[in-house]
Amino acid sequence: MSDEELEKIKKAMLEKMMKKPDSTPSFWNPGQVHTLNDSNFNKAIQETDRPILVDFWAEWCSPCKMMSPVITQMAQEFAGSVYFAKLNVDQNPKIARQYGVMSIPNFIVFKNSQAVGQTVGAVGKSGLTRLIQDHLDS
């Protein structure tokens, strides 16, 4: 290899090293359902500009249990465009109160740290898909 070729390689490697890392937030991993709580909620929703669907639920809630596999499936289907999370309202009453969650399951979409859409009840995959679609490009 010539000195000129080596310089090009070094320059390319240096540029790659100096490049900013991907803007993927540290908390969020595409395709996974994350667990939020009173202490990490605000920081987590501020970490991304992607929509986040938060499932407010409780262990004793049968409709919540029915929706759980739907949330898991949708997290995989919407990986890369929407993040998914769950917040147990019994263990985290502060955040539930803050967003006026009185009935569960309760699904709230957050975008740019703001609640932008909400639906209550076991609405199924189609209901959650409509809720999400309304906020993907807005």
Protein backbone atom coordinates (compact mmCIF):
# COMPACT_ATOMS: atom_id res chain seq x y z
CA MET A 1 0.00 0.00 0.00
CA SER A 2 1.10 3.47 -0.69
CA ASP A 3 1.37 6.22 1.90
CA GLU A 4 -1.52 7.98 0.20
CA GLU A 5 -3.79 4.92 0.56
CA LEU A 6 -2.82 4.54 4.22
CA GLU A 7 -3.61 8.20 4.85
CA LYS A 8 -7.06 7.74 3.28
CA ILE A 9 -7.73 4.71 5.46
CA LYS A 10 -6.54 6.54 8.60
CA LYS A 11 -8.69 9.54 7.74
CA ALA A 12 -11.77 7.36 7.16
CA MET A 13 -11.21 5.53 10.44
CA LEU A 14 -10.73 8.79 12.33
CA GLU A 15 -13.94 10.22 10.86
CA LYS A 16 -15.81 7.05 11.86
CA MET A 17 -14.47 7.28 15.42
CA MET A 18 -15.35 10.97 15.70
CA LYS A 19 -18.86 10.44 14.37
CA LYS A 20 -21.60 10.86 16.96
CA PRO A 21 -23.08 7.60 18.20
CA ASP A 22 -26.54 6.58 17.04
CA SER A 23 -29.24 8.67 18.60
CA THR A 24 -30.87 5.59 20.10
CA PRO A 25 -31.57 6.44 23.72
CA SER A 26 -29.87 4.27 26.31
CA PHE A 27 -33.12 3.26 28.05
CA TRP A 28 -35.07 2.17 24.99
CA ASN A 29 -34.44 -0.98 22.97
CA PRO A 30 -36.58 -1.52 19.88
CA GLY A 31 -38.89 -4.53 20.00
CA GLN A 32 -38.96 -4.81 23.79
CA VAL A 33 -41.59 -3.90 26.36
CA HIS A 34 -39.90 -1.80 29.03
CA THR A 35 -40.87 -1.45 32.66
CA LEU A 36 -41.46 2.08 33.89
CA ASN A 37 -41.90 3.22 37.47
CA ASP A 38 -42.32 6.41 39.47
CA SER A 39 -38.57 7.00 39.58
CA ASN A 40 -37.61 6.38 35.93
CA PHE A 41 -40.78 7.48 34.11
CA ASN A 42 -40.05 11.15 33.42
CA LYS A 43 -36.44 10.59 32.38
CA ALA A 44 -37.42 7.70 30.09
CA ILE A 45 -40.14 9.57 28.19
CA GLN A 46 -37.84 12.57 27.75
CA GLU A 47 -35.09 10.41 26.24
CA THR A 48 -36.70 9.98 22.83
CA ASP A 49 -38.76 11.83 20.28
CA ARG A 50 -40.33 8.58 19.08
CA PRO A 51 -43.87 7.80 20.22
CA ILE A 52 -44.11 5.64 23.34
CA LEU A 53 -47.17 3.56 24.16
CA VAL A 54 -47.43 3.10 27.93
CA ASP A 55 -49.70 0.34 29.26
CA PHE A 56 -50.97 1.30 32.73
CA TRP A 57 -51.93 -2.02 34.34
CA ALA A 58 -52.20 -4.04 37.56
CA GLU A 59 -51.54 -7.69 38.44
CA TRP A 60 -55.16 -8.35 39.54
CA CYS A 61 -56.68 -6.94 36.32
CA SER A 62 -57.94 -9.67 33.95
CA PRO A 63 -58.35 -7.35 30.92
CA CYS A 64 -54.77 -6.15 31.55
CA LYS A 65 -53.55 -9.74 31.41
CA MET A 66 -55.47 -10.26 28.17
CA MET A 67 -53.73 -7.25 26.59
CA SER A 68 -50.21 -8.17 27.71
CA PRO A 69 -49.41 -10.54 24.80
CA VAL A 70 -50.83 -7.96 22.38
CA ILE A 71 -48.40 -5.34 23.74
CA THR A 72 -45.49 -7.77 23.39
CA GLN A 73 -46.43 -8.61 19.80
CA MET A 74 -46.91 -4.97 18.83
CA ALA A 75 -43.57 -3.98 20.36
CA GLN A 76 -41.90 -6.35 17.91
CA GLU A 77 -44.05 -5.26 14.96
CA PHE A 78 -43.47 -1.54 15.56
CA ALA A 79 -39.76 -1.93 16.46
CA GLY A 80 -37.85 1.06 15.17
CA SER A 81 -40.82 3.43 15.09
CA VAL A 82 -42.61 3.15 18.47
CA TYR A 83 -41.41 2.17 21.93
CA PHE A 84 -43.59 0.19 24.34
CA ALA A 85 -43.66 0.21 28.12
CA LYS A 86 -45.73 -0.97 31.07
CA LEU A 87 -46.35 0.77 34.37
CA ASN A 88 -47.93 -1.09 37.28
CA VAL A 89 -50.40 1.39 38.82
CA ASP A 90 -50.46 -0.33 42.23
CA GLN A 91 -46.68 -0.10 42.59
CA ASN A 92 -46.41 3.37 41.00
CA PRO A 93 -49.38 5.47 42.09
CA LYS A 94 -47.62 8.83 41.62
CA ILE A 95 -47.40 8.59 37.83
CA ALA A 96 -50.86 7.00 37.56
CA ARG A 97 -52.33 9.96 39.48
CA GLN A 98 -50.31 12.45 37.45
CA TYR A 99 -51.98 11.23 34.25
CA GLY A 100 -55.44 10.73 35.75
CA VAL A 101 -55.45 6.96 35.34
CA MET A 102 -58.64 5.84 37.09
CA SER A 103 -59.48 2.73 35.04
CA ILE A 104 -57.23 0.03 33.65
CA PRO A 105 -56.00 -1.15 31.28
CA ASN A 106 -55.26 2.39 30.22
CA PHE A 107 -53.02 3.11 27.25
CA ILE A 108 -51.40 6.50 26.78
CA VAL A 109 -49.22 7.53 23.85
CA PHE A 110 -46.43 9.98 24.67
CA LYS A 111 -44.57 11.99 22.06
CA ASN A 112 -41.95 14.62 22.82
CA SER A 113 -42.57 14.00 26.55
CA GLN A 114 -46.28 14.87 26.23
CA ALA A 115 -49.36 12.66 26.48
CA VAL A 116 -50.91 12.93 23.02
CA GLY A 117 -53.47 10.11 22.92
CA GLN A 118 -55.27 7.73 25.22
CA THR A 119 -57.67 4.80 25.22
CA VAL A 120 -59.10 2.78 28.09
CA GLY A 121 -60.09 -0.88 28.22
CA ALA A 122 -59.17 -4.09 26.43
CA VAL A 123 -59.37 -2.51 22.98
CA GLY A 124 -57.41 -5.26 21.22
CA LYS A 125 -54.65 -4.93 18.67
CA SER A 126 -56.77 -2.94 16.22
CA GLY A 127 -57.66 -0.32 18.86
CA LEU A 128 -54.04 0.14 19.88
CA THR A 129 -52.89 0.23 16.28
CA ARG A 130 -55.34 3.08 15.54
CA LEU A 131 -54.14 4.95 18.62
CA ILE A 132 -50.51 4.59 17.57
CA GLN A 133 -51.10 5.38 13.89
CA ASP A 134 -52.74 8.67 14.86
CA HIS A 135 -49.44 9.81 16.36
CA LEU A 136 -46.75 8.30 14.15
CA ASP A 137 -46.46 11.16 11.69
CA SER A 138 -47.96 14.03 13.66
